[in-house]
């Protein structure tokens, strides 16, 4: 659960989270780093 206050997500934050199937990025986020969701094969 990502909070509404979130403004940025770093590099490789969720790298290799194989079972993660859905993500809602909050409305204040302005940047997502490199490979943040790489190898999330079920996303």
ModelCIF file with pLDDT and N, C-alpha, C, O atoms, coordinates in Angstrom:
data_MODEL
#
_entry.id   MODEL 
#
_entity.id                         1 
_entity.type                       polymer 
_entity.pdbx_number_of_molecules   1 
#
_entity_poly.entity_id                      1 
_entity_poly.type                           'polypeptide(L)' 
_entity_poly.nstd_linkage                   no 
_entity_poly.nstd_monomer                   no 
_entity_poly.pdbx_seq_one_letter_code       
;(UNK)(UNK)(UNK)(UNK)(UNK)(UNK)(UNK)(UNK)(UNK)(UNK)(UNK)(UNK)(UNK)(UNK)(UNK)(UNK)
(UNK)(UNK)(UNK)(UNK)(UNK)(UNK)(UNK)(UNK)(UNK)(UNK)(UNK)(UNK)(UNK)(UNK)(UNK)(UNK)
(UNK)(UNK)(UNK)(UNK)(UNK)(UNK)(UNK)(UNK)(UNK)(UNK)(UNK)
;
_entity_poly.pdbx_seq_one_letter_code_can   XXXXXXXXXXXXXXXXXXXXXXXXXXXXXXXXXXXXXXXXXXX 
_entity_poly.pdbx_strand_id                 A 
#
loop_
_entity_poly_seq.entity_id 
_entity_poly_seq.num 
_entity_poly_seq.mon_id 
_entity_poly_seq.hetero 
1 1  UNK n 
1 2  UNK n 
1 3  UNK n 
1 4  UNK n 
1 5  UNK n 
1 6  UNK n 
1 7  UNK n 
1 8  UNK n 
1 9  UNK n 
1 10 UNK n 
1 11 UNK n 
1 12 UNK n 
1 13 UNK n 
1 14 UNK n 
1 15 UNK n 
1 16 UNK n 
1 17 UNK n 
1 18 UNK n 
1 19 UNK n 
1 20 UNK n 
1 21 UNK n 
1 22 UNK n 
1 23 UNK n 
1 24 UNK n 
1 25 UNK n 
1 26 UNK n 
1 27 UNK n 
1 28 UNK n 
1 29 UNK n 
1 30 UNK n 
1 31 UNK n 
1 32 UNK n 
1 33 UNK n 
1 34 UNK n 
1 35 UNK n 
1 36 UNK n 
1 37 UNK n 
1 38 UNK n 
1 39 UNK n 
1 40 UNK n 
1 41 UNK n 
1 42 UNK n 
1 43 UNK n 
#
_struct_asym.id          A 
_struct_asym.entity_id   1 
#
loop_
_ma_qa_metric.id 
_ma_qa_metric.mode 
_ma_qa_metric.name 
_ma_qa_metric.software_group_id 
_ma_qa_metric.type 
1 global pLDDT . pLDDT 
2 local  pLDDT . pLDDT 
#
_ma_qa_metric_global.metric_id      1 
_ma_qa_metric_global.metric_value   93.91 
_ma_qa_metric_global.model_id       1 
_ma_qa_metric_global.ordinal_id     1 
#
loop_
_ma_qa_metric_local.label_asym_id 
_ma_qa_metric_local.label_comp_id 
_ma_qa_metric_local.label_seq_id 
_ma_qa_metric_local.metric_id 
_ma_qa_metric_local.metric_value 
_ma_qa_metric_local.model_id 
_ma_qa_metric_local.ordinal_id 
A UNK 1  2 86.00 1 1  
A UNK 2  2 91.00 1 2  
A UNK 3  2 93.00 1 3  
A UNK 4  2 93.00 1 4  
A UNK 5  2 92.00 1 5  
A UNK 6  2 92.00 1 6  
A UNK 7  2 92.00 1 7  
A UNK 8  2 93.00 1 8  
A UNK 9  2 94.00 1 9  
A UNK 10 2 94.00 1 10 
A UNK 11 2 97.00 1 11 
A UNK 12 2 97.00 1 12 
A UNK 13 2 96.00 1 13 
A UNK 14 2 96.00 1 14 
A UNK 15 2 97.00 1 15 
A UNK 16 2 97.00 1 16 
A UNK 17 2 97.00 1 17 
A UNK 18 2 93.00 1 18 
A UNK 19 2 96.00 1 19 
A UNK 20 2 94.00 1 20 
A UNK 21 2 92.00 1 21 
A UNK 22 2 90.00 1 22 
A UNK 23 2 91.00 1 23 
A UNK 24 2 91.00 1 24 
A UNK 25 2 93.00 1 25 
A UNK 26 2 93.00 1 26 
A UNK 27 2 93.00 1 27 
A UNK 28 2 93.00 1 28 
A UNK 29 2 95.00 1 29 
A UNK 30 2 95.00 1 30 
A UNK 31 2 95.00 1 31 
A UNK 32 2 95.00 1 32 
A UNK 33 2 95.00 1 33 
A UNK 34 2 96.00 1 34 
A UNK 35 2 96.00 1 35 
A UNK 36 2 95.00 1 36 
A UNK 37 2 94.00 1 37 
A UNK 38 2 95.00 1 38 
A UNK 39 2 95.00 1 39 
A UNK 40 2 95.00 1 40 
A UNK 41 2 94.00 1 41 
A UNK 42 2 94.00 1 42 
A UNK 43 2 93.00 1 43 
#
loop_
_atom_site.group_PDB 
_atom_site.id 
_atom_site.type_symbol 
_atom_site.label_atom_id 
_atom_site.label_alt_id 
_atom_site.label_comp_id 
_atom_site.label_asym_id 
_atom_site.label_entity_id 
_atom_site.label_seq_id 
_atom_site.pdbx_PDB_ins_code 
_atom_site.Cartn_x 
_atom_site.Cartn_y 
_atom_site.Cartn_z 
_atom_site.occupancy 
_atom_site.B_iso_or_equiv 
_atom_site.pdbx_formal_charge 
_atom_site.auth_seq_id 
_atom_site.auth_comp_id 
_atom_site.auth_asym_id 
_atom_site.auth_atom_id 
_atom_site.pdbx_PDB_model_num 
ATOM 1   N N  . UNK A 1 1  ? 0.843  -1.181  0.000   1.00 86.00 ? 1  UNK A N  1 
ATOM 2   C CA . UNK A 1 1  ? 0.000  0.000   0.000   1.00 86.00 ? 1  UNK A CA 1 
ATOM 3   C C  . UNK A 1 1  ? 0.883  1.237   0.000   1.00 86.00 ? 1  UNK A C  1 
ATOM 4   O O  . UNK A 1 1  ? 1.571  1.511   0.983   1.00 86.00 ? 1  UNK A O  1 
ATOM 5   N N  . UNK A 1 2  ? 0.867  1.985   -1.100  1.00 91.00 ? 2  UNK A N  1 
ATOM 6   C CA . UNK A 1 2  ? 1.678  3.193   -1.217  1.00 91.00 ? 2  UNK A CA 1 
ATOM 7   C C  . UNK A 1 2  ? 0.866  4.393   -0.737  1.00 91.00 ? 2  UNK A C  1 
ATOM 8   O O  . UNK A 1 2  ? -0.265 4.574   -1.186  1.00 91.00 ? 2  UNK A O  1 
ATOM 9   N N  . UNK A 1 3  ? 1.406  5.219   0.160   1.00 93.00 ? 3  UNK A N  1 
ATOM 10  C CA . UNK A 1 3  ? 0.639  6.334   0.732   1.00 93.00 ? 3  UNK A CA 1 
ATOM 11  C C  . UNK A 1 3  ? 0.464  7.493   -0.240  1.00 93.00 ? 3  UNK A C  1 
ATOM 12  O O  . UNK A 1 3  ? 1.280  7.689   -1.141  1.00 93.00 ? 3  UNK A O  1 
ATOM 13  N N  . UNK A 1 4  ? -0.605 8.256   -0.049  1.00 93.00 ? 4  UNK A N  1 
ATOM 14  C CA . UNK A 1 4  ? -0.900 9.398   -0.910  1.00 93.00 ? 4  UNK A CA 1 
ATOM 15  C C  . UNK A 1 4  ? 0.168  10.480  -0.813  1.00 93.00 ? 4  UNK A C  1 
ATOM 16  O O  . UNK A 1 4  ? 0.290  11.311  -1.713  1.00 93.00 ? 4  UNK A O  1 
ATOM 17  N N  . UNK A 1 5  ? 0.947  10.478  0.275   1.00 92.00 ? 5  UNK A N  1 
ATOM 18  C CA . UNK A 1 5  ? 1.989  11.481  0.488   1.00 92.00 ? 5  UNK A CA 1 
ATOM 19  C C  . UNK A 1 5  ? 3.241  11.239  -0.353  1.00 92.00 ? 5  UNK A C  1 
ATOM 20  O O  . UNK A 1 5  ? 4.093  12.120  -0.458  1.00 92.00 ? 5  UNK A O  1 
ATOM 21  N N  . UNK A 1 6  ? 3.359  10.059  -0.950  1.00 92.00 ? 6  UNK A N  1 
ATOM 22  C CA . UNK A 1 6  ? 4.574  9.659   -1.663  1.00 92.00 ? 6  UNK A CA 1 
ATOM 23  C C  . UNK A 1 6  ? 4.829  10.546  -2.894  1.00 92.00 ? 6  UNK A C  1 
ATOM 24  O O  . UNK A 1 6  ? 3.922  10.813  -3.681  1.00 92.00 ? 6  UNK A O  1 
ATOM 25  N N  . UNK A 1 7  ? 6.093  10.995  -3.039  1.00 92.00 ? 7  UNK A N  1 
ATOM 26  C CA . UNK A 1 7  ? 6.451  11.832  -4.196  1.00 92.00 ? 7  UNK A CA 1 
ATOM 27  C C  . UNK A 1 7  ? 7.494  11.182  -5.103  1.00 92.00 ? 7  UNK A C  1 
ATOM 28  O O  . UNK A 1 7  ? 7.641  11.587  -6.256  1.00 92.00 ? 7  UNK A O  1 
ATOM 29  N N  . UNK A 1 8  ? 8.226  10.170  -4.597  1.00 93.00 ? 8  UNK A N  1 
ATOM 30  C CA . UNK A 1 8  ? 9.226  9.517   -5.451  1.00 93.00 ? 8  UNK A CA 1 
ATOM 31  C C  . UNK A 1 8  ? 9.457  8.071   -5.034  1.00 93.00 ? 8  UNK A C  1 
ATOM 32  O O  . UNK A 1 8  ? 9.308  7.706   -3.868  1.00 93.00 ? 8  UNK A O  1 
ATOM 33  N N  . UNK A 1 9  ? 9.823  7.265   -6.019  1.00 94.00 ? 9  UNK A N  1 
ATOM 34  C CA . UNK A 1 9  ? 10.153 5.852   -5.807  1.00 94.00 ? 9  UNK A CA 1 
ATOM 35  C C  . UNK A 1 9  ? 11.551 5.638   -6.379  1.00 94.00 ? 9  UNK A C  1 
ATOM 36  O O  . UNK A 1 9  ? 11.806 5.975   -7.536  1.00 94.00 ? 9  UNK A O  1 
ATOM 37  N N  . UNK A 1 10 ? 12.454 5.082   -5.579  1.00 94.00 ? 10 UNK A N  1 
ATOM 38  C CA . UNK A 1 10 ? 13.857 4.959   -5.956  1.00 94.00 ? 10 UNK A CA 1 
ATOM 39  C C  . UNK A 1 10 ? 14.142 3.872   -6.983  1.00 94.00 ? 10 UNK A C  1 
ATOM 40  O O  . UNK A 1 10 ? 13.233 3.176   -7.435  1.00 94.00 ? 10 UNK A O  1 
ATOM 41  N N  . UNK A 1 11 ? 15.402 3.736   -7.341  1.00 97.00 ? 11 UNK A N  1 
ATOM 42  C CA . UNK A 1 11 ? 15.845 2.723   -8.297  1.00 97.00 ? 11 UNK A CA 1 
ATOM 43  C C  . UNK A 1 11 ? 15.790 1.332   -7.673  1.00 97.00 ? 11 UNK A C  1 
ATOM 44  O O  . UNK A 1 11 ? 16.166 1.141   -6.517  1.00 97.00 ? 11 UNK A O  1 
ATOM 45  N N  . UNK A 1 12 ? 15.320 0.371   -8.451  1.00 97.00 ? 12 UNK A N  1 
ATOM 46  C CA . UNK A 1 12 ? 15.268 -1.036  -8.045  1.00 97.00 ? 12 UNK A CA 1 
ATOM 47  C C  . UNK A 1 12 ? 14.484 -1.262  -6.745  1.00 97.00 ? 12 UNK A C  1 
ATOM 48  O O  . UNK A 1 12 ? 14.722 -2.239  -6.035  1.00 97.00 ? 12 UNK A O  1 
ATOM 49  N N  . UNK A 1 13 ? 13.561 -0.364  -6.444  1.00 96.00 ? 13 UNK A N  1 
ATOM 50  C CA . UNK A 1 13 ? 12.794 -0.466  -5.195  1.00 96.00 ? 13 UNK A CA 1 
ATOM 51  C C  . UNK A 1 13 ? 12.051 -1.784  -5.082  1.00 96.00 ? 13 UNK A C  1 
ATOM 52  O O  . UNK A 1 13 ? 12.070 -2.417  -4.026  1.00 96.00 ? 13 UNK A O  1 
ATOM 53  N N  . UNK A 1 14 ? 11.389 -2.211  -6.169  1.00 96.00 ? 14 UNK A N  1 
ATOM 54  C CA . UNK A 1 14 ? 10.619 -3.458  -6.155  1.00 96.00 ? 14 UNK A CA 1 
ATOM 55  C C  . UNK A 1 14 ? 11.201 -4.486  -7.143  1.00 96.00 ? 14 UNK A C  1 
ATOM 56  O O  . UNK A 1 14 ? 10.493 -5.391  -7.585  1.00 96.00 ? 14 UNK A O  1 
ATOM 57  N N  . UNK A 1 15 ? 12.448 -4.349  -7.474  1.00 97.00 ? 15 UNK A N  1 
ATOM 58  C CA . UNK A 1 15 ? 13.117 -5.268  -8.405  1.00 97.00 ? 15 UNK A CA 1 
ATOM 59  C C  . UNK A 1 15 ? 12.980 -6.719  -7.907  1.00 97.00 ? 15 UNK A C  1 
ATOM 60  O O  . UNK A 1 15 ? 13.258 -7.014  -6.745  1.00 97.00 ? 15 UNK A O  1 
ATOM 61  N N  . UNK A 1 16 ? 12.554 -7.600  -8.791  1.00 97.00 ? 16 UNK A N  1 
ATOM 62  C CA . UNK A 1 16 ? 12.500 -9.021  -8.451  1.00 97.00 ? 16 UNK A CA 1 
ATOM 63  C C  . UNK A 1 16 ? 11.375 -9.417  -7.519  1.00 97.00 ? 16 UNK A C  1 
ATOM 64  O O  . UNK A 1 16 ? 11.424 -10.490 -6.917  1.00 97.00 ? 16 UNK A O  1 
ATOM 65  N N  . UNK A 1 17 ? 10.340 -8.556  -7.382  1.00 97.00 ? 17 UNK A N  1 
ATOM 66  C CA . UNK A 1 17 ? 9.167  -8.931  -6.572  1.00 97.00 ? 17 UNK A CA 1 
ATOM 67  C C  . UNK A 1 17 ? 8.219  -9.728  -7.468  1.00 97.00 ? 17 UNK A C  1 
ATOM 68  O O  . UNK A 1 17 ? 7.250  -9.184  -7.997  1.00 97.00 ? 17 UNK A O  1 
ATOM 69  N N  . UNK A 1 18 ? 8.501  -11.006 -7.631  1.00 93.00 ? 18 UNK A N  1 
ATOM 70  C CA . UNK A 1 18 ? 7.832  -11.853 -8.607  1.00 93.00 ? 18 UNK A CA 1 
ATOM 71  C C  . UNK A 1 18 ? 6.319  -11.954 -8.421  1.00 93.00 ? 18 UNK A C  1 
ATOM 72  O O  . UNK A 1 18 ? 5.579  -12.078 -9.397  1.00 93.00 ? 18 UNK A O  1 
ATOM 73  N N  . UNK A 1 19 ? 5.859  -11.902 -7.162  1.00 96.00 ? 19 UNK A N  1 
ATOM 74  C CA . UNK A 1 19 ? 4.440  -12.141 -6.888  1.00 96.00 ? 19 UNK A CA 1 
ATOM 75  C C  . UNK A 1 19 ? 3.592  -10.879 -6.898  1.00 96.00 ? 19 UNK A C  1 
ATOM 76  O O  . UNK A 1 19 ? 2.367  -10.959 -6.802  1.00 96.00 ? 19 UNK A O  1 
ATOM 77  N N  . UNK A 1 20 ? 4.211  -9.734  -7.011  1.00 94.00 ? 20 UNK A N  1 
ATOM 78  C CA . UNK A 1 20 ? 3.462  -8.469  -7.034  1.00 94.00 ? 20 UNK A CA 1 
ATOM 79  C C  . UNK A 1 20 ? 2.661  -8.391  -8.330  1.00 94.00 ? 20 UNK A C  1 
ATOM 80  O O  . UNK A 1 20 ? 3.232  -8.454  -9.419  1.00 94.00 ? 20 UNK A O  1 
ATOM 81  N N  . UNK A 1 21 ? 1.328  -8.254  -8.215  1.00 92.00 ? 21 UNK A N  1 
ATOM 82  C CA . UNK A 1 21 ? 0.510  -8.314  -9.430  1.00 92.00 ? 21 UNK A CA 1 
ATOM 83  C C  . UNK A 1 21 ? -0.105 -6.977  -9.846  1.00 92.00 ? 21 UNK A C  1 
ATOM 84  O O  . UNK A 1 21 ? -0.492 -6.813  -11.003 1.00 92.00 ? 21 UNK A O  1 
ATOM 85  N N  . UNK A 1 22 ? -0.199 -6.023  -8.921  1.00 90.00 ? 22 UNK A N  1 
ATOM 86  C CA . UNK A 1 22 ? -0.749 -4.719  -9.287  1.00 90.00 ? 22 UNK A CA 1 
ATOM 87  C C  . UNK A 1 22 ? -0.224 -3.642  -8.346  1.00 90.00 ? 22 UNK A C  1 
ATOM 88  O O  . UNK A 1 22 ? 0.046  -3.898  -7.173  1.00 90.00 ? 22 UNK A O  1 
ATOM 89  N N  . UNK A 1 23 ? -0.087 -2.440  -8.881  1.00 91.00 ? 23 UNK A N  1 
ATOM 90  C CA . UNK A 1 23 ? 0.408  -1.308  -8.101  1.00 91.00 ? 23 UNK A CA 1 
ATOM 91  C C  . UNK A 1 23 ? -0.338 -0.050  -8.540  1.00 91.00 ? 23 UNK A C  1 
ATOM 92  O O  . UNK A 1 23 ? -0.528 0.203   -9.730  1.00 91.00 ? 23 UNK A O  1 
ATOM 93  N N  . UNK A 1 24 ? -0.756 0.732   -7.536  1.00 91.00 ? 24 UNK A N  1 
ATOM 94  C CA . UNK A 1 24 ? -1.340 2.038   -7.819  1.00 91.00 ? 24 UNK A CA 1 
ATOM 95  C C  . UNK A 1 24 ? -0.343 3.089   -7.346  1.00 91.00 ? 24 UNK A C  1 
ATOM 96  O O  . UNK A 1 24 ? -0.067 3.199   -6.152  1.00 91.00 ? 24 UNK A O  1 
ATOM 97  N N  . UNK A 1 25 ? 0.194  3.860   -8.285  1.00 93.00 ? 25 UNK A N  1 
ATOM 98  C CA . UNK A 1 25 ? 1.157  4.906   -7.946  1.00 93.00 ? 25 UNK A CA 1 
ATOM 99  C C  . UNK A 1 25 ? 0.373  6.152   -7.510  1.00 93.00 ? 25 UNK A C  1 
ATOM 100 O O  . UNK A 1 25 ? -0.454 6.650   -8.274  1.00 93.00 ? 25 UNK A O  1 
ATOM 101 N N  . UNK A 1 26 ? 0.617  6.656   -6.308  1.00 93.00 ? 26 UNK A N  1 
ATOM 102 C CA . UNK A 1 26 ? -0.151 7.803   -5.791  1.00 93.00 ? 26 UNK A CA 1 
ATOM 103 C C  . UNK A 1 26 ? -0.029 9.062   -6.643  1.00 93.00 ? 26 UNK A C  1 
ATOM 104 O O  . UNK A 1 26 ? 0.907  9.210   -7.429  1.00 93.00 ? 26 UNK A O  1 
ATOM 105 N N  . UNK A 1 27 ? -0.982 9.956   -6.474  1.00 93.00 ? 27 UNK A N  1 
ATOM 106 C CA . UNK A 1 27 ? -1.141 11.113  -7.357  1.00 93.00 ? 27 UNK A CA 1 
ATOM 107 C C  . UNK A 1 27 ? -0.050 12.170  -7.232  1.00 93.00 ? 27 UNK A C  1 
ATOM 108 O O  . UNK A 1 27 ? 0.057  13.033  -8.103  1.00 93.00 ? 27 UNK A O  1 
ATOM 109 N N  . UNK A 1 28 ? 0.771  12.131  -6.170  1.00 93.00 ? 28 UNK A N  1 
ATOM 110 C CA . UNK A 1 28 ? 1.823  13.135  -5.988  1.00 93.00 ? 28 UNK A CA 1 
ATOM 111 C C  . UNK A 1 28 ? 3.193  12.667  -6.492  1.00 93.00 ? 28 UNK A C  1 
ATOM 112 O O  . UNK A 1 28 ? 4.146  13.446  -6.490  1.00 93.00 ? 28 UNK A O  1 
ATOM 113 N N  . UNK A 1 29 ? 3.301  11.425  -6.914  1.00 95.00 ? 29 UNK A N  1 
ATOM 114 C CA . UNK A 1 29 ? 4.595  10.892  -7.359  1.00 95.00 ? 29 UNK A CA 1 
ATOM 115 C C  . UNK A 1 29 ? 5.022  11.570  -8.659  1.00 95.00 ? 29 UNK A C  1 
ATOM 116 O O  . UNK A 1 29 ? 4.269  11.604  -9.633  1.00 95.00 ? 29 UNK A O  1 
ATOM 117 N N  . UNK A 1 30 ? 6.238  12.108  -8.658  1.00 95.00 ? 30 UNK A N  1 
ATOM 118 C CA . UNK A 1 30 ? 6.772  12.779  -9.852  1.00 95.00 ? 30 UNK A CA 1 
ATOM 119 C C  . UNK A 1 30 ? 7.881  11.977  -10.529 1.00 95.00 ? 30 UNK A C  1 
ATOM 120 O O  . UNK A 1 30 ? 8.164  12.190  -11.708 1.00 95.00 ? 30 UNK A O  1 
ATOM 121 N N  . UNK A 1 31 ? 8.520  11.043  -9.786  1.00 95.00 ? 31 UNK A N  1 
ATOM 122 C CA . UNK A 1 31 ? 9.613  10.289  -10.400 1.00 95.00 ? 31 UNK A CA 1 
ATOM 123 C C  . UNK A 1 31 ? 9.664  8.849   -9.910  1.00 95.00 ? 31 UNK A C  1 
ATOM 124 O O  . UNK A 1 31 ? 9.389  8.557   -8.746  1.00 95.00 ? 31 UNK A O  1 
ATOM 125 N N  . UNK A 1 32 ? 10.020 7.962   -10.823 1.00 95.00 ? 32 UNK A N  1 
ATOM 126 C CA . UNK A 1 32 ? 10.234 6.542   -10.528 1.00 95.00 ? 32 UNK A CA 1 
ATOM 127 C C  . UNK A 1 32 ? 11.611 6.189   -11.073 1.00 95.00 ? 32 UNK A C  1 
ATOM 128 O O  . UNK A 1 32 ? 11.898 6.427   -12.246 1.00 95.00 ? 32 UNK A O  1 
ATOM 129 N N  . UNK A 1 33 ? 12.463 5.622   -10.227 1.00 95.00 ? 33 UNK A N  1 
ATOM 130 C CA . UNK A 1 33 ? 13.848 5.358   -10.593 1.00 95.00 ? 33 UNK A CA 1 
ATOM 131 C C  . UNK A 1 33 ? 14.034 4.191   -11.551 1.00 95.00 ? 33 UNK A C  1 
ATOM 132 O O  . UNK A 1 33 ? 13.088 3.473   -11.876 1.00 95.00 ? 33 UNK A O  1 
ATOM 133 N N  . UNK A 1 34 ? 15.267 4.019   -11.992 1.00 96.00 ? 34 UNK A N  1 
ATOM 134 C CA . UNK A 1 34 ? 15.619 2.935   -12.913 1.00 96.00 ? 34 UNK A CA 1 
ATOM 135 C C  . UNK A 1 34 ? 15.296 1.564   -12.319 1.00 96.00 ? 34 UNK A C  1 
ATOM 136 O O  . UNK A 1 34 ? 15.535 1.315   -11.137 1.00 96.00 ? 34 UNK A O  1 
ATOM 137 N N  . UNK A 1 35 ? 14.759 0.691   -13.143 1.00 96.00 ? 35 UNK A N  1 
ATOM 138 C CA . UNK A 1 35 ? 14.520 -0.718  -12.775 1.00 96.00 ? 35 UNK A CA 1 
ATOM 139 C C  . UNK A 1 35 ? 13.647 -0.874  -11.528 1.00 96.00 ? 35 UNK A C  1 
ATOM 140 O O  . UNK A 1 35 ? 13.739 -1.887  -10.834 1.00 96.00 ? 35 UNK A O  1 
ATOM 141 N N  . UNK A 1 36 ? 12.802 0.120   -11.236 1.00 95.00 ? 36 UNK A N  1 
ATOM 142 C CA . UNK A 1 36 ? 11.973 0.084   -10.028 1.00 95.00 ? 36 UNK A CA 1 
ATOM 143 C C  . UNK A 1 36 ? 11.096 -1.160  -9.968  1.00 95.00 ? 36 UNK A C  1 
ATOM 144 O O  . UNK A 1 36 ? 10.872 -1.710  -8.890  1.00 95.00 ? 36 UNK A O  1 
ATOM 145 N N  . UNK A 1 37 ? 10.592 -1.613  -11.134 1.00 94.00 ? 37 UNK A N  1 
ATOM 146 C CA . UNK A 1 37 ? 9.722  -2.790  -11.179 1.00 94.00 ? 37 UNK A CA 1 
ATOM 147 C C  . UNK A 1 37 ? 10.273 -3.863  -12.123 1.00 94.00 ? 37 UNK A C  1 
ATOM 148 O O  . UNK A 1 37 ? 9.514  -4.691  -12.627 1.00 94.00 ? 37 UNK A O  1 
ATOM 149 N N  . UNK A 1 38 ? 11.568 -3.856  -12.362 1.00 95.00 ? 38 UNK A N  1 
ATOM 150 C CA . UNK A 1 38 ? 12.167 -4.852  -13.245 1.00 95.00 ? 38 UNK A CA 1 
ATOM 151 C C  . UNK A 1 38 ? 12.052 -6.251  -12.628 1.00 95.00 ? 38 UNK A C  1 
ATOM 152 O O  . UNK A 1 38 ? 12.164 -6.420  -11.413 1.00 95.00 ? 38 UNK A O  1 
ATOM 153 N N  . UNK A 1 39 ? 11.826 -7.245  -13.489 1.00 95.00 ? 39 UNK A N  1 
ATOM 154 C CA . UNK A 1 39 ? 11.686 -8.650  -13.072 1.00 95.00 ? 39 UNK A CA 1 
ATOM 155 C C  . UNK A 1 39 ? 10.503 -8.875  -12.128 1.00 95.00 ? 39 UNK A C  1 
ATOM 156 O O  . UNK A 1 39 ? 10.518 -9.815  -11.333 1.00 95.00 ? 39 UNK A O  1 
ATOM 157 N N  . UNK A 1 40 ? 9.495  -8.033  -12.207 1.00 95.00 ? 40 UNK A N  1 
ATOM 158 C CA . UNK A 1 40 ? 8.224  -8.290  -11.518 1.00 95.00 ? 40 UNK A CA 1 
ATOM 159 C C  . UNK A 1 40 ? 7.345  -9.036  -12.522 1.00 95.00 ? 40 UNK A C  1 
ATOM 160 O O  . UNK A 1 40 ? 6.459  -8.449  -13.142 1.00 95.00 ? 40 UNK A O  1 
ATOM 161 N N  . UNK A 1 41 ? 7.595  -10.306 -12.670 1.00 94.00 ? 41 UNK A N  1 
ATOM 162 C CA . UNK A 1 41 ? 7.045  -11.080 -13.784 1.00 94.00 ? 41 UNK A CA 1 
ATOM 163 C C  . UNK A 1 41 ? 5.530  -11.262 -13.732 1.00 94.00 ? 41 UNK A C  1 
ATOM 164 O O  . UNK A 1 41 ? 4.918  -11.551 -14.761 1.00 94.00 ? 41 UNK A O  1 
ATOM 165 N N  . UNK A 1 42 ? 4.906  -11.100 -12.557 1.00 94.00 ? 42 UNK A N  1 
ATOM 166 C CA . UNK A 1 42 ? 3.457  -11.248 -12.452 1.00 94.00 ? 42 UNK A CA 1 
ATOM 167 C C  . UNK A 1 42 ? 2.718  -9.915  -12.432 1.00 94.00 ? 42 UNK A C  1 
ATOM 168 O O  . UNK A 1 42 ? 1.496  -9.879  -12.287 1.00 94.00 ? 42 UNK A O  1 
ATOM 169 N N  . UNK A 1 43 ? 3.452  -8.833  -12.576 1.00 93.00 ? 43 UNK A N  1 
ATOM 170 C CA . UNK A 1 43 ? 2.825  -7.511  -12.532 1.00 93.00 ? 43 UNK A CA 1 
ATOM 171 C C  . UNK A 1 43 ? 2.027  -7.279  -13.817 1.00 93.00 ? 43 UNK A C  1 
ATOM 172 O O  . UNK A 1 43 ? 1.418  -6.222  -13.983 1.00 93.00 ? 43 UNK A O  1 
#
